[in-house]
């Protein structure tokens, strides 16, 4: 058992994709509830810089790949005098470092060859689990503490100056953050099976016809700009704005926070929308471990569409059903 009285500084690590990191935030919120006076450090990759500084649950973000060597990173962590580490995405390099640093409590999975480096082991397989990713993350600490952490209380603070900066940027791109708008995010970075581009074109056409009072914005990274242009062209809808490659992650979060509806494949930004409790329509395969049971966005207003047949053909998803859901969301 972990002696809570001996824990003053906590380090949580999750050095992989955006969605994985977003779904680790409930674990950090749980730790904040258990240790209200402790300092909590979160180690991630630097591509997330600017985004997580807006999250209220941490005291400091450490960007693993900002440091030229493992020795430099080790020194930074050593100075924080960590008492408890939680290795959410297990990695030997991190596990070994925390062992060498003599961190008193080291939480990690029991099923890796290097699991002997953890002295607080969690006996649970994740790969083919039916449990949600956020629940699996929270379960890393659930067995060590008696506090109930079922609620996913996530708070982001967004400065008004940042909103105004984005507003000016969007006005220069012919849109306005204060107008009603729908975000469509077609890409997924290969994290799951996608709704085909042709289906997104069909979706944009129907959205344009049904919701003329809303602007429609496409978001994504720079290399998704050209495919997004084709999706727009094939939809026959001339008024849709392609913002792929135009926004930082922090700007995308602000844009999502102001939207009326977010529509997406299973990908990192859908989890930003979920944690902001936005209205969401998501397209997910049924295949493990990519299914919605594991990766559905958190939030109270989420509608998921998946193929009805066992062959998991995403082209079978009926866009008219998604449009009907959009009507329900936007009329309430």
C-alpha atoms as a PDB file:
ATOM      1  CA  UNK A   1       0.000   0.000   0.000  1.00  0.00           C
ATOM      2  CA  UNK A   2       1.141   3.521  -0.787  1.00  0.00           C
ATOM      3  CA  UNK A   3       1.575   5.820   2.208  1.00  0.00           C
ATOM      4  CA  UNK A   4      -0.170   9.019   1.086  1.00  0.00           C
ATOM      5  CA  UNK A   5       1.620  11.021   3.748  1.00  0.00           C
ATOM      6  CA  UNK A   6       4.916  10.360   1.982  1.00  0.00           C
ATOM      7  CA  UNK A   7       3.776  11.599  -1.430  1.00  0.00           C
ATOM      8  CA  UNK A   8       4.428  15.265  -2.174  1.00  0.00           C
ATOM      9  CA  UNK A   9       5.450  15.168  -5.837  1.00  0.00           C
ATOM     10  CA  UNK A  10       3.832  13.007  -8.526  1.00  0.00           C
ATOM     11  CA  UNK A  11       4.917  12.329 -12.109  1.00  0.00           C
ATOM     12  CA  UNK A  12       2.519  10.923 -14.717  1.00  0.00           C
ATOM     13  CA  UNK A  13       3.952   9.935 -18.115  1.00  0.00           C
ATOM     14  CA  UNK A  14       2.091   9.472 -21.410  1.00  0.00           C
ATOM     15  CA  UNK A  15       4.438  10.066 -24.323  1.00  0.00           C
ATOM     16  CA  UNK A  16       2.361   9.012 -27.329  1.00  0.00           C
ATOM     17  CA  UNK A  17      -0.610  10.262 -29.370  1.00  0.00           C
ATOM     18  CA  UNK A  18      -2.968  13.150 -28.697  1.00  0.00           C
ATOM     19  CA  UNK A  19      -6.056  11.034 -27.972  1.00  0.00           C
ATOM     20  CA  UNK A  20      -4.131   8.790 -25.565  1.00  0.00           C
ATOM     21  CA  UNK A  21      -2.872  11.849 -23.699  1.00  0.00           C
ATOM     22  CA  UNK A  22      -6.332  13.442 -23.519  1.00  0.00           C
ATOM     23  CA  UNK A  23      -7.775  10.259 -22.042  1.00  0.00           C
ATOM     24  CA  UNK A  24      -5.055  10.279 -19.372  1.00  0.00           C
ATOM     25  CA  UNK A  25      -6.370  13.559 -17.932  1.00  0.00           C
ATOM     26  CA  UNK A  26      -9.096  11.795 -15.866  1.00  0.00           C
ATOM     27  CA  UNK A  27      -6.273   9.899 -14.131  1.00  0.00           C
ATOM     28  CA  UNK A  28      -4.580  13.198 -13.293  1.00  0.00           C
ATOM     29  CA  UNK A  29      -7.886  14.622 -12.016  1.00  0.00           C
ATOM     30  CA  UNK A  30      -8.214  11.546  -9.821  1.00  0.00           C
ATOM     31  CA  UNK A  31      -4.699  12.047  -8.446  1.00  0.00           C
ATOM     32  CA  UNK A  32      -5.534  15.687  -7.742  1.00  0.00           C
ATOM     33  CA  UNK A  33      -8.540  14.541  -5.712  1.00  0.00           C
ATOM     34  CA  UNK A  34      -6.438  12.033  -3.762  1.00  0.00           C
ATOM     35  CA  UNK A  35      -3.496  14.417  -3.289  1.00  0.00           C
ATOM     36  CA  UNK A  36      -4.956  17.962  -3.208  1.00  0.00           C
ATOM     37  CA  UNK A  37      -1.717  19.474  -1.881  1.00  0.00           C
ATOM     38  CA  UNK A  38       0.819  17.506  -3.939  1.00  0.00           C
ATOM     39  CA  UNK A  39       2.587  18.837  -7.017  1.00  0.00           C
ATOM     40  CA  UNK A  40       1.614  16.924 -10.151  1.00  0.00           C
ATOM     41  CA  UNK A  41       3.932  16.792 -13.160  1.00  0.00           C
ATOM     42  CA  UNK A  42       2.846  15.430 -16.534  1.00  0.00           C
ATOM     43  CA  UNK A  43       5.462  14.206 -19.045  1.00  0.00           C
ATOM     44  CA  UNK A  44       4.405  14.229 -22.709  1.00  0.00           C
ATOM     45  CA  UNK A  45       5.861  14.995 -26.151  1.00  0.00           C
ATOM     46  CA  UNK A  46       6.548  18.615 -27.107  1.00  0.00           C
ATOM     47  CA  UNK A  47       4.103  18.613 -30.043  1.00  0.00           C
ATOM     48  CA  UNK A  48       1.450  19.135 -27.359  1.00  0.00           C
ATOM     49  CA  UNK A  49       3.043  22.376 -26.198  1.00  0.00           C
ATOM     50  CA  UNK A  50       0.468  25.116 -25.725  1.00  0.00           C
ATOM     51  CA  UNK A  51      -2.448  22.707 -25.355  1.00  0.00           C
ATOM     52  CA  UNK A  52      -1.890  21.170 -21.926  1.00  0.00           C
ATOM     53  CA  UNK A  53      -0.841  24.440 -20.291  1.00  0.00           C
ATOM     54  CA  UNK A  54      -4.570  25.216 -20.402  1.00  0.00           C
ATOM     55  CA  UNK A  55      -5.434  22.212 -18.209  1.00  0.00           C
ATOM     56  CA  UNK A  56      -5.855  23.055 -14.531  1.00  0.00           C
ATOM     57  CA  UNK A  57      -4.984  19.650 -13.067  1.00  0.00           C
ATOM     58  CA  UNK A  58      -1.194  19.846 -13.375  1.00  0.00           C
ATOM     59  CA  UNK A  59       1.489  22.035 -11.826  1.00  0.00           C
ATOM     60  CA  UNK A  60       4.035  21.594 -14.605  1.00  0.00           C
ATOM     61  CA  UNK A  61       4.272  19.941 -18.016  1.00  0.00           C
ATOM     62  CA  UNK A  62       7.600  18.238 -18.812  1.00  0.00           C
ATOM     63  CA  UNK A  63       8.279  17.736 -22.519  1.00  0.00           C
ATOM     64  CA  UNK A  64      10.343  14.574 -22.831  1.00  0.00           C
ATOM     65  CA  UNK A  65      11.816  15.295 -26.268  1.00  0.00           C
ATOM     66  CA  UNK A  66      12.931  18.823 -25.404  1.00  0.00           C
ATOM     67  CA  UNK A  67      16.018  17.387 -23.731  1.00  0.00           C
ATOM     68  CA  UNK A  68      19.064  16.400 -25.776  1.00  0.00           C
ATOM     69  CA  UNK A  69      19.905  13.361 -23.661  1.00  0.00           C
ATOM     70  CA  UNK A  70      18.446  10.962 -21.132  1.00  0.00           C
ATOM     71  CA  UNK A  71      20.900  12.377 -18.602  1.00  0.00           C
ATOM     72  CA  UNK A  72      19.462  15.884 -19.029  1.00  0.00           C
ATOM     73  CA  UNK A  73      15.902  14.590 -18.644  1.00  0.00           C
ATOM     74  CA  UNK A  74      16.924  12.533 -15.619  1.00  0.00           C
ATOM     75  CA  UNK A  75      18.391  15.630 -13.985  1.00  0.00           C
ATOM     76  CA  UNK A  76      15.174  17.590 -14.547  1.00  0.00           C
ATOM     77  CA  UNK A  77      13.094  14.825 -12.974  1.00  0.00           C
ATOM     78  CA  UNK A  78      15.566  14.394 -10.105  1.00  0.00           C
ATOM     79  CA  UNK A  79      15.188  18.079  -9.201  1.00  0.00           C
ATOM     80  CA  UNK A  80      11.418  17.606  -8.827  1.00  0.00           C
ATOM     81  CA  UNK A  81      11.987  15.062  -6.009  1.00  0.00           C
ATOM     82  CA  UNK A  82       9.292  12.714  -7.314  1.00  0.00           C
ATOM     83  CA  UNK A  83       7.742  10.362  -4.724  1.00  0.00           C
ATOM     84  CA  UNK A  84       5.196   8.634  -6.991  1.00  0.00           C
ATOM     85  CA  UNK A  85       5.437   7.886 -10.721  1.00  0.00           C
ATOM     86  CA  UNK A  86       2.668   6.478 -12.920  1.00  0.00           C
ATOM     87  CA  UNK A  87       3.990   5.056 -16.211  1.00  0.00           C
ATOM     88  CA  UNK A  88       0.696   5.078 -18.173  1.00  0.00           C
ATOM     89  CA  UNK A  89       2.212   4.028 -21.500  1.00  0.00           C
ATOM     90  CA  UNK A  90       4.841   1.546 -20.324  1.00  0.00           C
ATOM     91  CA  UNK A  91       8.316   2.170 -21.690  1.00  0.00           C
ATOM     92  CA  UNK A  92      11.493   0.476 -20.532  1.00  0.00           C
ATOM     93  CA  UNK A  93      13.567   3.673 -20.762  1.00  0.00           C
ATOM     94  CA  UNK A  94      11.253   5.546 -18.424  1.00  0.00           C
ATOM     95  CA  UNK A  95      10.765   2.603 -16.073  1.00  0.00           C
ATOM     96  CA  UNK A  96      14.536   2.151 -15.770  1.00  0.00           C
ATOM     97  CA  UNK A  97      15.087   5.870 -15.203  1.00  0.00           C
ATOM     98  CA  UNK A  98      12.527   6.004 -12.395  1.00  0.00           C
ATOM     99  CA  UNK A  99      14.088   2.925 -10.817  1.00  0.00           C
ATOM    100  CA  UNK A 100      17.569   4.469 -10.997  1.00  0.00           C
ATOM    101  CA  UNK A 101      16.251   7.698  -9.504  1.00  0.00           C
ATOM    102  CA  UNK A 102      14.945   5.725  -6.529  1.00  0.00           C
ATOM    103  CA  UNK A 103      11.372   7.007  -6.813  1.00  0.00           C
ATOM    104  CA  UNK A 104       9.646   5.548  -3.764  1.00  0.00           C
ATOM    105  CA  UNK A 105       6.428   4.405  -5.467  1.00  0.00           C
ATOM    106  CA  UNK A 106       6.565   3.341  -9.128  1.00  0.00           C
ATOM    107  CA  UNK A 107       3.237   2.286 -10.674  1.00  0.00           C
ATOM    108  CA  UNK A 108       3.181   0.299 -13.911  1.00  0.00           C
ATOM    109  CA  UNK A 109       1.858  -2.819 -15.630  1.00  0.00           C
ATOM    110  CA  UNK A 110       2.831  -6.250 -14.339  1.00  0.00           C
ATOM    111  CA  UNK A 111       3.020  -7.829 -17.807  1.00  0.00           C
ATOM    112  CA  UNK A 112       6.177  -6.394 -19.393  1.00  0.00           C
ATOM    113  CA  UNK A 113       9.574  -8.092 -19.256  1.00  0.00           C
ATOM    114  CA  UNK A 114      10.864  -5.084 -17.324  1.00  0.00           C
ATOM    115  CA  UNK A 115       7.934  -4.955 -14.879  1.00  0.00           C
ATOM    116  CA  UNK A 116      10.298  -5.843 -12.040  1.00  0.00           C
ATOM    117  CA  UNK A 117      11.311  -2.150 -12.203  1.00  0.00           C
ATOM    118  CA  UNK A 118       7.852  -1.203 -10.858  1.00  0.00           C
ATOM    119  CA  UNK A 119       7.212  -1.787  -7.162  1.00  0.00           C
ATOM    120  CA  UNK A 120       3.469  -1.035  -7.447  1.00  0.00           C
ATOM    121  CA  UNK A 121       2.220  -3.400 -10.147  1.00  0.00           C
ATOM    122  CA  UNK A 122      -1.151  -3.386 -11.902  1.00  0.00           C
ATOM    123  CA  UNK A 123      -2.351  -6.817 -13.039  1.00  0.00           C
ATOM    124  CA  UNK A 124      -4.512  -5.970 -16.013  1.00  0.00           C
ATOM    125  CA  UNK A 125      -4.147  -6.588 -19.753  1.00  0.00           C
ATOM    126  CA  UNK A 126      -5.200  -3.628 -21.894  1.00  0.00           C
ATOM    127  CA  UNK A 127      -4.805  -4.672 -25.541  1.00  0.00           C
ATOM    128  CA  UNK A 128      -8.163  -6.391 -26.113  1.00  0.00           C
ATOM    129  CA  UNK A 129     -10.040  -4.930 -23.182  1.00  0.00           C
ATOM    130  CA  UNK A 130     -13.680  -3.854 -23.544  1.00  0.00           C
ATOM    131  CA  UNK A 131     -13.174  -1.145 -20.940  1.00  0.00           C
ATOM    132  CA  UNK A 132     -12.798   2.491 -21.949  1.00  0.00           C
ATOM    133  CA  UNK A 133      -9.243   3.837 -22.233  1.00  0.00           C
ATOM    134  CA  UNK A 134      -9.847   6.522 -19.590  1.00  0.00           C
ATOM    135  CA  UNK A 135     -11.163   3.866 -17.201  1.00  0.00           C
ATOM    136  CA  UNK A 136      -8.110   1.701 -17.840  1.00  0.00           C
ATOM    137  CA  UNK A 137      -5.905   4.693 -17.094  1.00  0.00           C
ATOM    138  CA  UNK A 138      -7.679   5.486 -13.821  1.00  0.00           C
ATOM    139  CA  UNK A 139      -7.492   1.804 -12.846  1.00  0.00           C
ATOM    140  CA  UNK A 140      -3.705   2.171 -12.662  1.00  0.00           C
ATOM    141  CA  UNK A 141      -4.193   3.870  -9.299  1.00  0.00           C
ATOM    142  CA  UNK A 142      -7.631   2.609  -8.230  1.00  0.00           C
ATOM    143  CA  UNK A 143      -6.293  -0.421  -6.350  1.00  0.00           C
ATOM    144  CA  UNK A 144      -3.884   1.659  -4.300  1.00  0.00           C
ATOM    145  CA  UNK A 145      -6.310   4.258  -2.918  1.00  0.00           C
ATOM    146  CA  UNK A 146      -9.808   4.132  -1.449  1.00  0.00           C
ATOM    147  CA  UNK A 147     -11.076   7.425  -2.937  1.00  0.00           C
ATOM    148  CA  UNK A 148     -13.866   7.218  -5.518  1.00  0.00           C
ATOM    149  CA  UNK A 149     -12.661   8.638  -8.837  1.00  0.00           C
ATOM    150  CA  UNK A 150     -15.603   7.772 -11.071  1.00  0.00           C
ATOM    151  CA  UNK A 151     -16.279  11.367 -12.113  1.00  0.00           C
ATOM    152  CA  UNK A 152     -14.201  12.771 -14.975  1.00  0.00           C
ATOM    153  CA  UNK A 153     -13.815  16.372 -13.833  1.00  0.00           C
ATOM    154  CA  UNK A 154     -11.634  18.088 -16.429  1.00  0.00           C
ATOM    155  CA  UNK A 155     -11.213  21.861 -16.475  1.00  0.00           C
ATOM    156  CA  UNK A 156      -9.442  23.873 -19.147  1.00  0.00           C
ATOM    157  CA  UNK A 157      -8.744  27.570 -18.730  1.00  0.00           C
ATOM    158  CA  UNK A 158      -8.638  29.580 -21.933  1.00  0.00           C
ATOM    159  CA  UNK A 159      -7.573  33.203 -21.676  1.00  0.00           C
ATOM    160  CA  UNK A 160      -9.789  35.767 -23.395  1.00  0.00           C
ATOM    161  CA  UNK A 161      -6.705  37.189 -25.117  1.00  0.00           C
ATOM    162  CA  UNK A 162      -6.157  33.827 -26.815  1.00  0.00           C
ATOM    163  CA  UNK A 163      -9.751  33.771 -28.011  1.00  0.00           C
ATOM    164  CA  UNK A 164      -9.386  37.278 -29.433  1.00  0.00           C
ATOM    165  CA  UNK A 165      -6.144  36.341 -31.219  1.00  0.00           C
ATOM    166  CA  UNK A 166      -7.857  33.375 -32.854  1.00  0.00           C
ATOM    167  CA  UNK A 167     -10.875  35.495 -33.756  1.00  0.00           C
ATOM    168  CA  UNK A 168      -8.631  37.940 -35.644  1.00  0.00           C
ATOM    169  CA  UNK A 169      -6.858  35.085 -37.403  1.00  0.00           C
ATOM    170  CA  UNK A 170     -10.128  33.511 -38.505  1.00  0.00           C
ATOM    171  CA  UNK A 171     -11.514  36.831 -39.729  1.00  0.00           C
ATOM    172  CA  UNK A 172      -8.468  37.046 -42.003  1.00  0.00           C
ATOM    173  CA  UNK A 173      -9.489  33.589 -43.283  1.00  0.00           C
ATOM    174  CA  UNK A 174     -13.111  34.686 -43.890  1.00  0.00           C
ATOM    175  CA  UNK A 175     -14.791  33.224 -40.840  1.00  0.00           C
ATOM    176  CA  UNK A 176     -15.768  34.401 -37.366  1.00  0.00           C
ATOM    177  CA  UNK A 177     -15.404  32.458 -34.118  1.00  0.00           C
ATOM    178  CA  UNK A 178     -18.525  34.198 -32.758  1.00  0.00           C
ATOM    179  CA  UNK A 179     -20.786  32.873 -35.531  1.00  0.00           C
ATOM    180  CA  UNK A 180     -22.504  29.493 -35.293  1.00  0.00           C
ATOM    181  CA  UNK A 181     -20.358  26.839 -36.942  1.00  0.00           C
ATOM    182  CA  UNK A 182     -19.898  23.099 -37.325  1.00  0.00           C
ATOM    183  CA  UNK A 183     -16.444  21.507 -37.354  1.00  0.00           C
ATOM    184  CA  UNK A 184     -15.811  18.461 -39.543  1.00  0.00           C
ATOM    185  CA  UNK A 185     -12.472  16.687 -38.971  1.00  0.00           C
ATOM    186  CA  UNK A 186     -12.066  13.993 -41.674  1.00  0.00           C
ATOM    187  CA  UNK A 187      -8.543  12.724 -40.904  1.00  0.00           C
ATOM    188  CA  UNK A 188      -7.412  10.308 -38.212  1.00  0.00           C
ATOM    189  CA  UNK A 189      -3.663   9.931 -38.684  1.00  0.00           C
ATOM    190  CA  UNK A 190      -4.151   6.216 -39.210  1.00  0.00           C
ATOM    191  CA  UNK A 191      -5.249   5.570 -35.630  1.00  0.00           C
ATOM    192  CA  UNK A 192      -8.412   3.788 -36.751  1.00  0.00           C
ATOM    193  CA  UNK A 193     -10.451   2.843 -39.800  1.00  0.00           C
ATOM    194  CA  UNK A 194     -11.858   6.007 -41.354  1.00  0.00           C
ATOM    195  CA  UNK A 195     -15.154   6.972 -42.874  1.00  0.00           C
ATOM    196  CA  UNK A 196     -14.213   7.149 -46.585  1.00  0.00           C
ATOM    197  CA  UNK A 197     -13.598  10.562 -48.173  1.00  0.00           C
ATOM    198  CA  UNK A 198     -16.608  10.102 -50.450  1.00  0.00           C
ATOM    199  CA  UNK A 199     -18.845   9.704 -47.421  1.00  0.00           C
ATOM    200  CA  UNK A 200     -17.470  12.930 -45.966  1.00  0.00           C
ATOM    201  CA  UNK A 201     -18.279  14.700 -49.247  1.00  0.00           C
ATOM    202  CA  UNK A 202     -21.819  13.351 -48.996  1.00  0.00           C
ATOM    203  CA  UNK A 203     -21.959  14.530 -45.386  1.00  0.00           C
ATOM    204  CA  UNK A 204     -20.798  18.051 -46.289  1.00  0.00           C
ATOM    205  CA  UNK A 205     -23.381  18.296 -49.041  1.00  0.00           C
ATOM    206  CA  UNK A 206     -26.188  17.322 -46.664  1.00  0.00           C
ATOM    207  CA  UNK A 207     -24.913  19.604 -43.878  1.00  0.00           C
ATOM    208  CA  UNK A 208     -24.774  22.556 -46.299  1.00  0.00           C
ATOM    209  CA  UNK A 209     -28.335  21.891 -47.445  1.00  0.00           C
ATOM    210  CA  UNK A 210     -29.823  21.292 -44.003  1.00  0.00           C
ATOM    211  CA  UNK A 211     -28.004  23.898 -41.888  1.00  0.00           C
ATOM    212  CA  UNK A 212     -27.636  27.023 -44.000  1.00  0.00           C
ATOM    213  CA  UNK A 213     -27.440  29.221 -40.905  1.00  0.00           C
ATOM    214  CA  UNK A 214     -24.191  27.489 -39.822  1.00  0.00           C
ATOM    215  CA  UNK A 215     -20.698  27.884 -41.225  1.00  0.00           C
ATOM    216  CA  UNK A 216     -18.882  24.594 -41.873  1.00  0.00           C
ATOM    217  CA  UNK A 217     -15.168  24.359 -41.116  1.00  0.00           C
ATOM    218  CA  UNK A 218     -12.849  21.491 -42.002  1.00  0.00           C
ATOM    219  CA  UNK A 219      -9.873  20.977 -39.682  1.00  0.00           C
ATOM    220  CA  UNK A 220      -6.773  18.814 -39.844  1.00  0.00           C
ATOM    221  CA  UNK A 221      -3.002  18.933 -40.203  1.00  0.00           C
ATOM    222  CA  UNK A 222      -1.090  20.389 -43.166  1.00  0.00           C
ATOM    223  CA  UNK A 223      -0.752  17.144 -45.148  1.00  0.00           C
ATOM    224  CA  UNK A 224      -4.533  16.680 -44.941  1.00  0.00           C
ATOM    225  CA  UNK A 225      -5.182  20.005 -46.697  1.00  0.00           C
ATOM    226  CA  UNK A 226      -5.206  18.654 -50.239  1.00  0.00           C
ATOM    227  CA  UNK A 227      -7.483  15.671 -49.444  1.00  0.00           C
ATOM    228  CA  UNK A 228      -9.778  18.087 -47.598  1.00  0.00           C
ATOM    229  CA  UNK A 229      -9.930  20.334 -50.679  1.00  0.00           C
ATOM    230  CA  UNK A 230     -11.052  17.339 -52.725  1.00  0.00           C
ATOM    231  CA  UNK A 231     -13.697  16.401 -50.141  1.00  0.00           C
ATOM    232  CA  UNK A 232     -15.068  19.944 -50.358  1.00  0.00           C
ATOM    233  CA  UNK A 233     -14.909  19.982 -54.164  1.00  0.00           C
ATOM    234  CA  UNK A 234     -16.700  16.640 -54.452  1.00  0.00           C
ATOM    235  CA  UNK A 235     -19.435  17.864 -52.098  1.00  0.00           C
ATOM    236  CA  UNK A 236     -20.301  20.689 -54.488  1.00  0.00           C
ATOM    237  CA  UNK A 237     -20.472  23.066 -51.506  1.00  0.00           C
ATOM    238  CA  UNK A 238     -18.499  26.231 -52.223  1.00  0.00           C
ATOM    239  CA  UNK A 239     -18.839  27.968 -48.837  1.00  0.00           C
ATOM    240  CA  UNK A 240     -16.938  25.439 -46.697  1.00  0.00           C
ATOM    241  CA  UNK A 241     -13.656  26.697 -45.226  1.00  0.00           C
ATOM    242  CA  UNK A 242     -10.591  24.421 -45.227  1.00  0.00           C
ATOM    243  CA  UNK A 243      -8.522  25.156 -42.099  1.00  0.00           C
ATOM    244  CA  UNK A 244      -6.183  22.148 -42.405  1.00  0.00           C
ATOM    245  CA  UNK A 245      -2.668  23.200 -41.412  1.00  0.00           C
ATOM    246  CA  UNK A 246      -3.804  26.675 -40.292  1.00  0.00           C
ATOM    247  CA  UNK A 247      -4.169  26.096 -36.551  1.00  0.00           C
ATOM    248  CA  UNK A 248      -1.984  25.112 -33.620  1.00  0.00           C
ATOM    249  CA  UNK A 249      -3.398  22.518 -31.209  1.00  0.00           C
ATOM    250  CA  UNK A 250      -4.172  25.279 -28.738  1.00  0.00           C
ATOM    251  CA  UNK A 251      -6.041  27.235 -31.433  1.00  0.00           C
ATOM    252  CA  UNK A 252      -7.895  24.091 -32.450  1.00  0.00           C
ATOM    253  CA  UNK A 253      -8.985  23.582 -28.839  1.00  0.00           C
ATOM    254  CA  UNK A 254     -10.351  27.146 -28.696  1.00  0.00           C
ATOM    255  CA  UNK A 255     -12.116  26.640 -32.028  1.00  0.00           C
ATOM    256  CA  UNK A 256     -13.670  23.386 -30.776  1.00  0.00           C
ATOM    257  CA  UNK A 257     -14.718  25.049 -27.520  1.00  0.00           C
ATOM    258  CA  UNK A 258     -16.812  27.580 -29.476  1.00  0.00           C
ATOM    259  CA  UNK A 259     -18.369  25.183 -32.016  1.00  0.00           C
ATOM    260  CA  UNK A 260     -22.008  24.052 -32.133  1.00  0.00           C
ATOM    261  CA  UNK A 261     -21.180  20.510 -33.307  1.00  0.00           C
ATOM    262  CA  UNK A 262     -18.002  18.476 -33.861  1.00  0.00           C
ATOM    263  CA  UNK A 263     -18.004  15.639 -36.428  1.00  0.00           C
ATOM    264  CA  UNK A 264     -15.031  13.334 -36.801  1.00  0.00           C
ATOM    265  CA  UNK A 265     -13.446   9.948 -37.222  1.00  0.00           C
ATOM    266  CA  UNK A 266     -11.783   8.380 -34.194  1.00  0.00           C
ATOM    267  CA  UNK A 267      -8.808  10.704 -33.690  1.00  0.00           C
ATOM    268  CA  UNK A 268      -7.153  12.974 -31.136  1.00  0.00           C
ATOM    269  CA  UNK A 269      -9.277  16.128 -31.603  1.00  0.00           C
ATOM    270  CA  UNK A 270     -12.497  14.194 -30.956  1.00  0.00           C
ATOM    271  CA  UNK A 271     -11.190  13.671 -27.417  1.00  0.00           C
ATOM    272  CA  UNK A 272     -10.546  17.389 -27.018  1.00  0.00           C
ATOM    273  CA  UNK A 273     -14.201  17.886 -27.989  1.00  0.00           C
ATOM    274  CA  UNK A 274     -15.262  15.197 -25.524  1.00  0.00           C
ATOM    275  CA  UNK A 275     -13.383  16.747 -22.607  1.00  0.00           C
ATOM    276  CA  UNK A 276     -14.933  20.117 -23.497  1.00  0.00           C
ATOM    277  CA  UNK A 277     -18.345  18.358 -23.402  1.00  0.00           C
ATOM    278  CA  UNK A 278     -19.257  19.409 -26.936  1.00  0.00           C
ATOM    279  CA  UNK A 279     -21.949  17.853 -29.113  1.00  0.00           C
ATOM    280  CA  UNK A 280     -20.172  15.142 -31.077  1.00  0.00           C
ATOM    281  CA  UNK A 281     -20.892  12.797 -33.961  1.00  0.00           C
ATOM    282  CA  UNK A 282     -18.169  10.184 -34.342  1.00  0.00           C
ATOM    283  CA  UNK A 283     -17.482   7.407 -36.867  1.00  0.00           C
ATOM    284  CA  UNK A 284     -15.883   4.262 -35.404  1.00  0.00           C
ATOM    285  CA  UNK A 285     -15.119   0.735 -36.575  1.00  0.00           C
ATOM    286  CA  UNK A 286     -16.265  -2.254 -34.509  1.00  0.00           C
ATOM    287  CA  UNK A 287     -12.857  -3.960 -34.635  1.00  0.00           C
ATOM    288  CA  UNK A 288     -10.833  -4.374 -31.460  1.00  0.00           C
ATOM    289  CA  UNK A 289      -9.028  -2.459 -30.081  1.00  0.00           C
ATOM    290  CA  UNK A 290     -10.310   0.485 -32.183  1.00  0.00           C
ATOM    291  CA  UNK A 291     -13.996   0.185 -31.260  1.00  0.00           C
ATOM    292  CA  UNK A 292     -16.021   2.921 -29.576  1.00  0.00           C
ATOM    293  CA  UNK A 293     -16.306   0.983 -26.324  1.00  0.00           C
ATOM    294  CA  UNK A 294     -12.577   1.555 -25.885  1.00  0.00           C
ATOM    295  CA  UNK A 295     -12.122   4.937 -27.601  1.00  0.00           C
ATOM    296  CA  UNK A 296     -15.436   6.793 -27.511  1.00  0.00           C
ATOM    297  CA  UNK A 297     -14.933  10.467 -26.560  1.00  0.00           C
ATOM    298  CA  UNK A 298     -15.899  11.435 -23.036  1.00  0.00           C
ATOM    299  CA  UNK A 299     -18.837  13.804 -22.707  1.00  0.00           C
ATOM    300  CA  UNK A 300     -22.601  13.782 -22.314  1.00  0.00           C
ATOM    301  CA  UNK A 301     -23.589  14.604 -25.904  1.00  0.00           C
ATOM    302  CA  UNK A 302     -21.965  11.944 -28.070  1.00  0.00           C
ATOM    303  CA  UNK A 303     -23.510   9.955 -30.925  1.00  0.00           C
ATOM    304  CA  UNK A 304     -21.390   7.180 -32.479  1.00  0.00           C
ATOM    305  CA  UNK A 305     -21.987   5.514 -35.858  1.00  0.00           C
ATOM    306  CA  UNK A 306     -20.359   2.199 -36.771  1.00  0.00           C
ATOM    307  CA  UNK A 307     -20.882  -0.354 -39.564  1.00  0.00           C
ATOM    308  CA  UNK A 308     -23.809  -2.672 -38.919  1.00  0.00           C
ATOM    309  CA  UNK A 309     -22.283  -5.660 -40.713  1.00  0.00           C
ATOM    310  CA  UNK A 310     -19.454  -7.794 -39.290  1.00  0.00           C
ATOM    311  CA  UNK A 311     -17.083  -7.035 -42.206  1.00  0.00           C
ATOM    312  CA  UNK A 312     -16.534  -3.569 -40.635  1.00  0.00           C
ATOM    313  CA  UNK A 313     -16.896  -1.737 -43.945  1.00  0.00           C
ATOM    314  CA  UNK A 314     -17.002   1.949 -42.968  1.00  0.00           C
ATOM    315  CA  UNK A 315     -18.625   2.746 -46.321  1.00  0.00           C
ATOM    316  CA  UNK A 316     -21.834   1.132 -45.012  1.00  0.00           C
ATOM    317  CA  UNK A 317     -22.394   3.924 -42.490  1.00  0.00           C
ATOM    318  CA  UNK A 318     -25.561   5.812 -43.407  1.00  0.00           C
ATOM    319  CA  UNK A 319     -24.851   9.552 -43.594  1.00  0.00           C
ATOM    320  CA  UNK A 320     -28.574  10.357 -43.414  1.00  0.00           C
ATOM    321  CA  UNK A 321     -28.618   8.887 -39.907  1.00  0.00           C
ATOM    322  CA  UNK A 322     -25.764  11.209 -38.932  1.00  0.00           C
ATOM    323  CA  UNK A 323     -27.675  14.172 -40.371  1.00  0.00           C
ATOM    324  CA  UNK A 324     -30.732  13.237 -38.315  1.00  0.00           C
ATOM    325  CA  UNK A 325     -28.540  13.204 -35.183  1.00  0.00           C
ATOM    326  CA  UNK A 326     -27.130  16.586 -36.159  1.00  0.00           C
ATOM    327  CA  UNK A 327     -30.677  17.963 -36.383  1.00  0.00           C
ATOM    328  CA  UNK A 328     -31.446  16.717 -32.881  1.00  0.00           C
ATOM    329  CA  UNK A 329     -28.244  18.237 -31.480  1.00  0.00           C
ATOM    330  CA  UNK A 330     -28.633  21.602 -33.179  1.00  0.00           C
ATOM    331  CA  UNK A 331     -32.305  22.047 -32.345  1.00  0.00           C
ATOM    332  CA  UNK A 332     -31.764  21.495 -28.602  1.00  0.00           C
END
